[in-house]
Protein backbone atom coordinates (compact mmCIF):
# COMPACT_ATOMS: atom_id res chain seq x y z
CA MET A 1 47.85 25.23 25.67
CA ARG A 2 44.09 25.66 25.87
CA VAL A 3 42.73 28.78 24.17
CA ALA A 4 39.17 30.00 24.56
CA LEU A 5 37.69 31.70 21.51
CA HIS A 6 34.96 34.18 22.46
CA THR A 7 32.88 35.02 19.38
CA THR A 8 30.35 37.83 19.22
CA PHE A 9 27.58 37.59 16.62
CA ALA A 10 25.30 40.23 15.19
CA ALA A 11 22.17 40.26 17.35
CA SER A 12 19.20 42.35 16.38
CA ARG A 13 16.60 43.13 19.02
CA LYS A 14 14.11 43.20 16.14
CA GLU A 15 14.35 39.41 16.05
CA PRO A 16 12.03 37.98 18.72
CA LEU A 17 13.88 36.36 21.59
CA VAL A 18 12.13 33.05 21.01
CA ALA A 19 13.16 33.09 17.33
CA MET A 20 16.83 33.55 18.23
CA MET A 21 16.56 30.87 20.89
CA ASP A 22 14.97 28.42 18.43
CA ARG A 23 17.62 29.19 15.81
CA VAL A 24 20.45 28.34 18.21
CA HIS A 25 18.67 25.24 19.53
CA GLN A 26 18.02 23.98 16.01
CA GLY A 27 21.69 24.56 15.19
CA PHE A 28 22.64 21.98 17.85
CA ILE A 29 20.09 19.50 16.51
CA ASP A 30 21.12 19.95 12.86
CA ALA A 31 24.79 19.53 13.80
CA GLY A 32 24.05 16.09 15.21
CA ILE A 33 24.95 17.14 18.75
CA ALA A 34 22.92 15.72 21.61
CA GLU A 35 20.23 17.92 23.15
CA PRO A 36 22.16 20.76 24.81
CA PHE A 37 21.92 21.47 28.50
CA ILE A 38 20.30 24.90 28.90
CA ARG A 39 21.15 27.03 31.90
CA PHE A 40 18.50 29.73 32.25
CA ASN A 41 18.01 32.87 34.29
CA PHE A 42 14.89 35.05 34.14
CA GLY A 43 15.28 37.94 36.58
CA ASP A 44 13.04 40.70 37.94
CA GLY A 45 14.49 44.16 38.35
CA LEU A 46 15.20 46.14 41.52
CA PRO A 47 13.08 47.82 42.78
CA VAL A 48 10.10 45.71 41.70
CA THR A 49 6.93 47.48 40.51
CA PHE A 50 5.43 44.17 39.43
CA SER A 51 6.91 40.70 39.16
CA SER A 52 7.43 38.90 35.87
CA VAL A 53 8.44 35.90 37.98
CA ASP A 54 4.93 35.81 39.50
CA ARG A 55 3.37 36.09 36.04
CA VAL A 56 5.34 33.06 34.84
CA LEU A 57 4.50 31.04 37.97
CA LYS A 58 0.78 31.57 37.39
CA ARG A 59 1.13 29.79 34.05
CA HIS A 60 3.89 27.39 35.04
CA PRO A 61 3.59 26.65 38.77
CA GLU A 62 5.94 23.69 38.35
CA LEU A 63 8.80 26.20 38.11
CA GLU A 64 8.43 27.26 41.75
CA ARG A 65 11.42 25.10 42.75
CA PHE A 66 13.67 27.24 40.50
CA VAL A 67 12.86 30.57 42.19
CA THR A 68 15.66 32.19 44.20
CA GLU A 69 16.71 35.53 45.64
CA ALA A 70 20.19 34.39 46.62
CA VAL A 71 22.78 37.18 46.72
CA PRO A 72 25.18 36.67 43.77
CA ALA A 73 28.07 38.58 45.36
CA PRO A 74 28.78 40.56 48.55
CA GLN A 75 26.99 43.94 48.65
CA ILE A 76 25.05 43.07 45.47
CA PRO A 77 21.37 42.46 46.24
CA GLY A 78 19.83 39.37 44.74
CA ALA A 79 16.87 40.05 42.48
CA ARG A 80 14.11 37.46 42.45
CA ARG A 81 14.61 35.15 39.52
CA ILE A 82 13.78 31.81 37.94
CA SER A 83 17.05 29.97 37.45
CA ASN A 84 18.71 26.58 37.40
CA GLY A 85 22.08 28.18 38.16
CA PRO A 86 24.28 27.19 41.10
CA MET A 87 22.40 29.36 43.65
CA SER A 88 18.97 27.99 42.79
CA PRO A 89 17.17 25.19 44.68
CA GLY A 90 16.80 23.62 41.22
CA ALA A 91 20.49 23.97 40.34
CA GLY A 92 21.54 21.73 37.46
CA GLU A 93 18.00 20.50 36.75
CA THR A 94 16.37 20.76 33.35
CA VAL A 95 12.92 21.79 32.22
CA PRO A 96 11.20 20.89 28.93
CA TYR A 97 12.39 23.02 26.05
CA ALA A 98 8.76 23.85 25.25
CA THR A 99 8.45 25.57 28.64
CA LEU A 100 11.46 27.79 27.95
CA GLN A 101 9.99 28.52 24.52
CA ALA A 102 6.71 29.63 26.07
CA ILE A 103 8.48 32.01 28.46
CA ALA A 104 10.72 33.46 25.74
CA ALA A 105 7.72 33.96 23.46
CA GLY A 106 6.16 36.20 26.14
CA VAL A 107 9.18 38.55 26.33
CA PRO A 108 8.83 41.49 26.60
CA ARG A 109 5.06 42.05 26.47
CA SER A 110 3.74 39.39 28.83
CA PHE A 111 7.01 38.82 30.71
CA PRO A 112 9.10 42.02 30.71
CA PHE A 113 11.97 40.53 32.70
CA HIS A 114 14.73 42.96 33.58
CA SER A 115 17.42 40.46 32.59
CA ILE A 116 17.47 37.11 30.80
CA ALA A 117 20.32 34.69 30.11
CA LEU A 118 20.06 31.41 28.17
CA HIS A 119 23.23 29.32 27.99
CA PHE A 120 23.39 26.29 25.67
CA TYR A 121 26.11 23.76 26.48
CA SER A 122 27.34 20.42 25.21
CA PRO A 123 30.72 18.75 25.88
CA GLU A 124 31.82 19.32 22.29
CA PHE A 125 32.43 22.99 23.18
CA GLY A 126 35.05 22.08 25.78
CA GLU A 127 35.21 22.36 29.54
CA LEU A 128 33.40 25.13 31.37
CA ILE A 129 36.10 27.75 31.90
CA PRO A 130 37.02 28.94 35.40
CA THR A 131 37.81 32.65 35.76
CA PRO A 132 38.94 34.75 38.73
CA THR A 133 35.41 36.14 38.94
CA PHE A 134 32.27 34.67 37.45
CA PHE A 135 31.61 35.75 33.87
CA ALA A 136 28.83 33.88 32.08
CA SER A 137 30.32 34.85 28.71
CA MET A 138 33.39 32.71 29.44
CA MET A 139 31.42 29.49 29.89
CA ALA A 140 31.92 27.20 26.92
CA GLY A 141 28.80 27.05 24.76
CA VAL A 142 26.39 29.61 23.29
CA LEU A 143 24.96 32.45 25.37
CA ILE A 144 21.93 34.62 24.62
CA THR A 145 21.23 37.62 26.83
CA ASP A 146 18.32 40.03 26.75
CA SER A 147 17.87 42.92 29.17
CA TRP A 148 15.99 46.14 29.74
CA TRP A 149 17.66 49.48 29.17
CA VAL A 150 16.47 53.08 28.86
CA ASN A 151 16.62 52.93 25.05
CA GLY A 152 14.83 49.58 24.79
CA ARG A 153 15.85 45.95 25.06
CA ASN A 154 19.52 45.05 24.71
CA ARG A 155 20.37 41.76 23.02
CA SER A 156 23.60 39.82 22.67
CA LEU A 157 24.58 36.47 21.16
CA THR A 158 28.01 35.03 21.91
CA ALA A 159 29.78 31.69 21.82
CA CYS A 160 32.83 30.36 23.61
CA THR A 161 34.78 27.37 22.31
CA VAL A 162 38.02 25.84 23.53
CA VAL A 163 40.84 24.65 21.24
CA GLU A 164 44.35 23.30 21.86
CA ALA A 165 47.30 25.25 20.46
CA GLY A 166 51.08 24.89 20.56
CA PRO A 167 53.50 27.82 20.96
CA GLY A 168 55.06 27.01 17.58
CA ASP A 169 51.76 26.84 15.66
CA LYS A 170 51.15 29.51 13.05
CA LYS A 171 47.37 29.26 13.24
CA LEU A 172 44.83 28.00 15.73
CA PRO A 173 43.08 24.75 14.79
CA PRO A 174 39.54 25.21 13.49
CA PRO A 175 36.58 24.06 15.61
CA SER A 176 35.24 20.58 14.95
CA PRO A 177 32.63 20.26 12.14
CA PRO A 178 29.67 19.99 14.58
CA ILE A 179 30.77 23.14 16.44
CA THR A 180 31.35 24.92 13.13
CA ALA A 181 27.75 24.08 12.17
CA VAL A 182 26.39 25.48 15.45
CA LEU A 183 28.39 28.69 15.06
CA ALA A 184 27.09 29.06 11.50
CA ALA A 185 23.54 28.88 12.86
CA CYS A 186 24.34 31.77 15.20
CA GLY A 187 24.72 34.13 12.24
CA LYS A 188 27.19 36.82 11.22
CA VAL A 189 30.39 37.05 13.25
CA ARG A 190 31.25 40.54 14.47
CA LYS A 191 34.50 39.75 16.29
CA THR A 192 36.47 36.96 17.93
CA VAL A 193 38.60 37.39 21.06
CA GLN A 194 41.35 34.93 21.99
CA ALA A 195 41.77 34.04 25.67
CA PRO A 196 44.81 31.83 26.42
CA LEU A 197 43.92 29.89 29.57
CA ALA A 198 46.01 29.28 32.68
CA ASP A 199 46.88 25.65 33.38
CA ASN A 200 45.75 25.72 37.01
CA PHE A 201 44.66 27.92 39.90
CA THR A 202 46.72 26.34 42.68
CA ALA A 203 48.37 29.71 43.46
CA PRO A 204 47.31 33.35 43.08
CA VAL A 205 47.52 34.22 39.39
CA PRO A 206 47.50 37.75 37.93
CA ALA A 207 44.37 38.58 35.98
CA VAL A 208 44.29 39.91 32.42
CA ARG A 209 41.31 41.91 31.22
CA LEU A 210 40.26 40.91 27.71
CA PRO A 211 38.91 43.32 25.06
CA THR A 212 35.44 42.11 26.11
CA GLY A 213 36.03 43.43 29.64
CA THR A 214 36.20 39.93 31.12
CA ALA A 215 39.10 39.22 33.49
CA ILE A 216 40.79 35.83 33.21
CA ALA A 217 43.81 34.31 34.91
CA SER A 218 47.06 34.96 33.06
CA ALA A 219 48.44 32.05 31.05
CA ASN A 220 51.93 33.52 31.59
CA PRO A 221 51.88 34.83 35.19
CA GLU A 222 55.61 35.56 35.63
CA VAL A 223 55.67 37.66 32.46
CA ALA A 224 52.40 39.36 33.43
CA ILE A 225 53.95 40.48 36.73
CA ALA A 226 57.09 41.78 35.01
CA VAL A 227 55.10 43.66 32.35
CA LYS A 228 52.85 45.21 35.00
CA ALA A 229 55.91 46.62 36.77
CA ILE A 230 57.04 48.23 33.51
CA ALA A 231 53.56 49.68 32.90
CA VAL A 232 53.47 51.16 36.40
CA LYS A 233 56.91 52.72 35.85
CA TYR A 234 55.76 54.37 32.63
CA ARG A 235 52.55 55.63 34.21
CA ASP A 236 54.65 57.35 36.84
CA ARG A 237 57.00 58.73 34.18
CA LEU A 238 54.28 59.86 31.79
CA PRO A 239 54.16 63.50 33.02
CA GLN A 240 57.89 63.75 32.34
CA ILE A 241 57.51 62.14 28.91
CA VAL A 242 54.71 64.57 28.09
CA SER A 243 56.72 67.62 29.16
CA GLU A 244 59.86 66.60 27.22
CA LEU A 245 58.22 65.37 24.00
CA ALA A 246 58.57 67.52 20.87
CA TRP A 247 54.85 67.83 20.18
CA PRO A 248 53.89 68.82 16.63
CA HIS A 249 51.25 71.22 18.00
CA ASP A 250 50.58 73.20 21.16
CA LEU A 251 46.89 72.75 21.94
CA PRO A 252 44.65 74.89 24.17
CA ASP A 253 44.12 73.49 27.64
CA SER A 254 40.91 71.73 28.64
CA SER A 255 39.32 74.75 30.32
CA GLU A 256 39.66 76.83 27.16
CA MET A 257 38.29 74.03 24.96
CA SER A 258 35.33 73.51 27.29
CA ARG A 259 34.03 76.97 26.32
CA LEU A 260 33.51 75.90 22.71
CA PRO A 261 29.87 75.76 21.55
CA PHE A 262 28.53 72.20 21.43
CA ASP A 263 27.73 72.52 17.72
CA VAL A 264 31.44 72.73 16.84
CA THR A 265 32.28 69.33 15.35
CA PRO A 266 35.22 67.90 13.37
CA GLY A 267 33.24 66.05 10.72
CA PRO A 268 34.55 62.60 9.63
CA LYS A 269 37.31 61.49 11.99
CA LYS A 270 38.57 58.29 10.38
CA PRO A 271 40.36 59.80 7.32
CA VAL A 272 42.80 61.74 9.50
CA LEU A 273 43.45 58.70 11.69
CA GLU A 274 44.26 56.59 8.64
CA ARG A 275 46.48 59.27 7.13
CA VAL A 276 48.59 59.50 10.30
CA PHE A 277 48.64 55.89 11.47
CA LYS A 278 48.29 53.73 8.35
CA PRO A 279 51.89 54.47 7.22
CA ARG A 280 53.00 53.13 10.62
CA GLY A 281 51.23 49.82 9.91
CA TYR A 282 48.07 50.38 11.96
CA THR A 283 44.62 49.26 10.90
CA CYS A 284 41.71 51.47 11.92
CA ARG A 285 38.28 50.21 12.93
CA GLY A 286 35.47 52.52 13.97
CA ASP A 287 32.60 51.59 16.25
CA HIS A 288 29.81 53.55 17.91
CA GLY A 289 31.66 56.40 19.62
CA SER A 290 35.11 54.79 19.43
CA PHE A 291 38.06 53.91 17.21
CA THR A 292 40.55 51.06 17.60
CA LEU A 293 43.90 51.12 15.78
CA ARG A 294 46.16 48.06 15.87
CA ARG A 295 49.42 46.72 14.46
CA ARG A 296 51.65 43.72 15.22
CA THR A 297 55.34 43.86 16.03
CA PRO A 298 57.91 41.38 14.64
CA ALA A 299 57.69 39.66 18.06
CA ASN A 300 53.93 39.12 17.51
CA LEU A 301 52.91 41.62 20.17
CA THR A 302 49.84 43.69 19.34
CA LEU A 303 50.01 47.46 19.75
CA GLU A 304 46.66 49.16 20.14
CA LEU A 305 45.52 52.77 20.30
CA SER A 306 41.92 52.85 21.50
CA MET A 307 39.98 56.09 21.53
CA ASP A 308 36.63 56.95 23.04
CA VAL A 309 35.56 59.89 20.91
CA GLY A 310 32.25 60.53 22.62
CA THR A 311 28.99 58.70 22.13
CA TRP A 312 26.94 61.77 23.05
CA GLY A 313 29.50 64.60 22.87
CA HIS A 314 32.68 65.34 20.96
CA THR A 315 35.51 64.52 23.34
CA ILE A 316 38.47 62.16 23.24
CA LEU A 317 40.03 59.83 25.78
CA ALA A 318 42.90 57.74 24.39
CA MET A 319 44.72 54.66 25.69
CA PHE A 320 47.82 52.93 24.33
CA LYS A 321 47.99 49.18 24.98
CA VAL A 322 50.50 46.41 24.40
CA TRP A 323 49.07 42.88 24.19
CA GLY A 324 50.97 39.61 24.38
CA LEU A 325 50.36 36.04 25.46
CA GLY A 326 49.10 36.24 29.04
CA PHE A 327 49.54 39.99 29.57
CA LYS A 328 48.33 43.47 28.71
CA ALA A 329 49.98 46.83 29.50
CA GLY A 330 47.96 50.02 29.17
CA LEU A 331 48.60 53.76 29.47
CA THR A 332 46.00 56.50 29.26
CA ILE A 333 47.68 59.13 27.09
CA PRO A 334 46.94 62.83 26.50
CA ALA A 335 46.40 64.64 23.21
CA GLY A 336 48.97 67.32 24.01
CA ARG A 337 51.23 68.94 26.55
CA ASN A 338 48.45 70.91 28.28
CA THR A 339 45.41 68.71 27.70
CA GLY A 340 45.59 66.70 30.93
CA ILE A 341 46.33 63.02 31.50
CA GLY A 342 43.39 60.70 32.08
CA SER A 343 40.66 63.22 31.32
CA GLN A 344 38.39 63.82 28.36
CA TYR A 345 39.36 66.58 25.98
CA ARG A 346 37.12 68.42 23.50
CA VAL A 347 37.76 67.51 19.88
CA GLY A 348 36.78 70.87 18.37
CA ASP A 349 36.66 71.45 14.61
CA ALA A 350 38.34 69.54 11.77
CA GLU A 351 41.61 71.50 12.03
CA HIS A 352 41.83 70.91 15.77
CA TRP A 353 41.10 67.19 15.28
CA ARG A 354 43.98 67.00 12.78
CA LYS A 355 46.35 68.48 15.36
CA ILE A 356 45.11 66.08 18.04
CA VAL A 357 45.73 63.05 15.82
CA GLU A 358 49.18 64.24 14.76
CA ASN A 359 50.07 64.78 18.43
CA LEU A 360 48.88 61.28 19.31
CA GLY A 361 51.00 59.95 16.47
CA ALA A 362 54.08 61.60 17.97
CA LEU A 363 53.40 60.24 21.47
CA VAL A 364 52.68 56.72 20.16
CA ALA A 365 55.96 56.83 18.22
CA GLU A 366 57.78 57.70 21.45
CA LEU A 367 56.14 54.80 23.30
CA GLU A 368 57.01 52.47 20.44
CA ARG A 369 60.64 53.59 20.80
CA THR A 370 60.79 53.18 24.59
CA LEU A 371 57.95 51.25 26.24
CA VAL A 372 57.47 48.54 23.62
CA PRO A 373 61.11 47.32 23.43
CA GLU A 374 61.27 47.22 27.22
CA ILE A 375 58.19 45.00 27.34
CA GLU A 376 59.52 42.78 24.54
CA GLY A 377 62.75 42.44 26.50
CA VAL A 378 61.01 40.76 29.47
CA ALA A 379 58.16 39.06 27.60
CA GLY A 380 59.89 37.68 24.54
CA PRO A 381 57.86 36.84 21.45
CA SER A 382 54.26 35.67 21.52
CA PRO A 383 53.03 32.79 19.32
CA GLU A 384 52.28 33.71 15.73
CA TRP A 385 48.65 32.66 16.16
CA TYR A 386 47.99 35.00 19.08
CA LYS A 387 45.71 37.95 18.34
CA PRO A 388 43.74 39.55 21.19
CA GLU A 389 40.85 40.40 18.87
CA SER A 390 40.01 39.91 15.22
């Protein structure tokens, strides 16, 4: 089985774009890999107050053949851009690396492009990966993106490699030494997502959405269909489960909590999560405005409780997920009997947060008792090496 490994690296927007680009390029050279093919996209925004494309063309008129406004998808307008992607008149052509350097060096002052993508590819990374819809992040190789946002430039650095794995393997094989050297040049790894790949696309295949948000074809379509039916059944039954569960605490409804002053906060949230869920075998990882708790079952399925706890406010929206090879089942779950299903709920003070977490612990325990065994019954075990994210 082919498995794509999508790795996200730390990417600081304080590092000039051209410096990051040079670092990745030099990583290919130092690894002894042939000069990588670079797919590039430098796009204006919509609407256009002035054109960065025109600014570049004044200095590099030879790039005129790469300019396109082709519509990337139905009902999505095509911004004017300089690209050698499949919709460009210059599709598949290359330009001197020094030219790309000069453009990147002008970002964002001289060339404040709305969006930039630079994709470095060589055959050592594996085949370019087909997906149900086009996601640049799932193309084998190294991808740098830089884009405008209201709080400044956003930057990302990711890599996608393809390895071969057997269902009986305990671990995935490591990348080849040249690929390992390129990945080392990319910097500190933040996370790696595994994407088992479907063998072919000769028939409609269910899609599975990865932790990155990318949708790929299921590598186990029959199981994916069966698991989806179970998930739909439990979504329909969730109001009954909520009404019959012996909740540890009765919480105020959402309308009452919405009247709380905005300066009411719970303080540190992670200690309570660890106290409730760590004895059940869950790890707890916090990110900006979110927490992710995970544990593995004896059948190598991954149970996940993901919580958006409010980037700007103090609310919670929780989802319980079951991951296995080629499938994912997810349920949006409430914090209590009267808190509403599928809606955000105010966290309140530290005591109220404790009650919320203890309630979630009780509901997760119920889903572990009912939902999880039912999924394991149709899915069977996943390979020992499979982890949706690490």
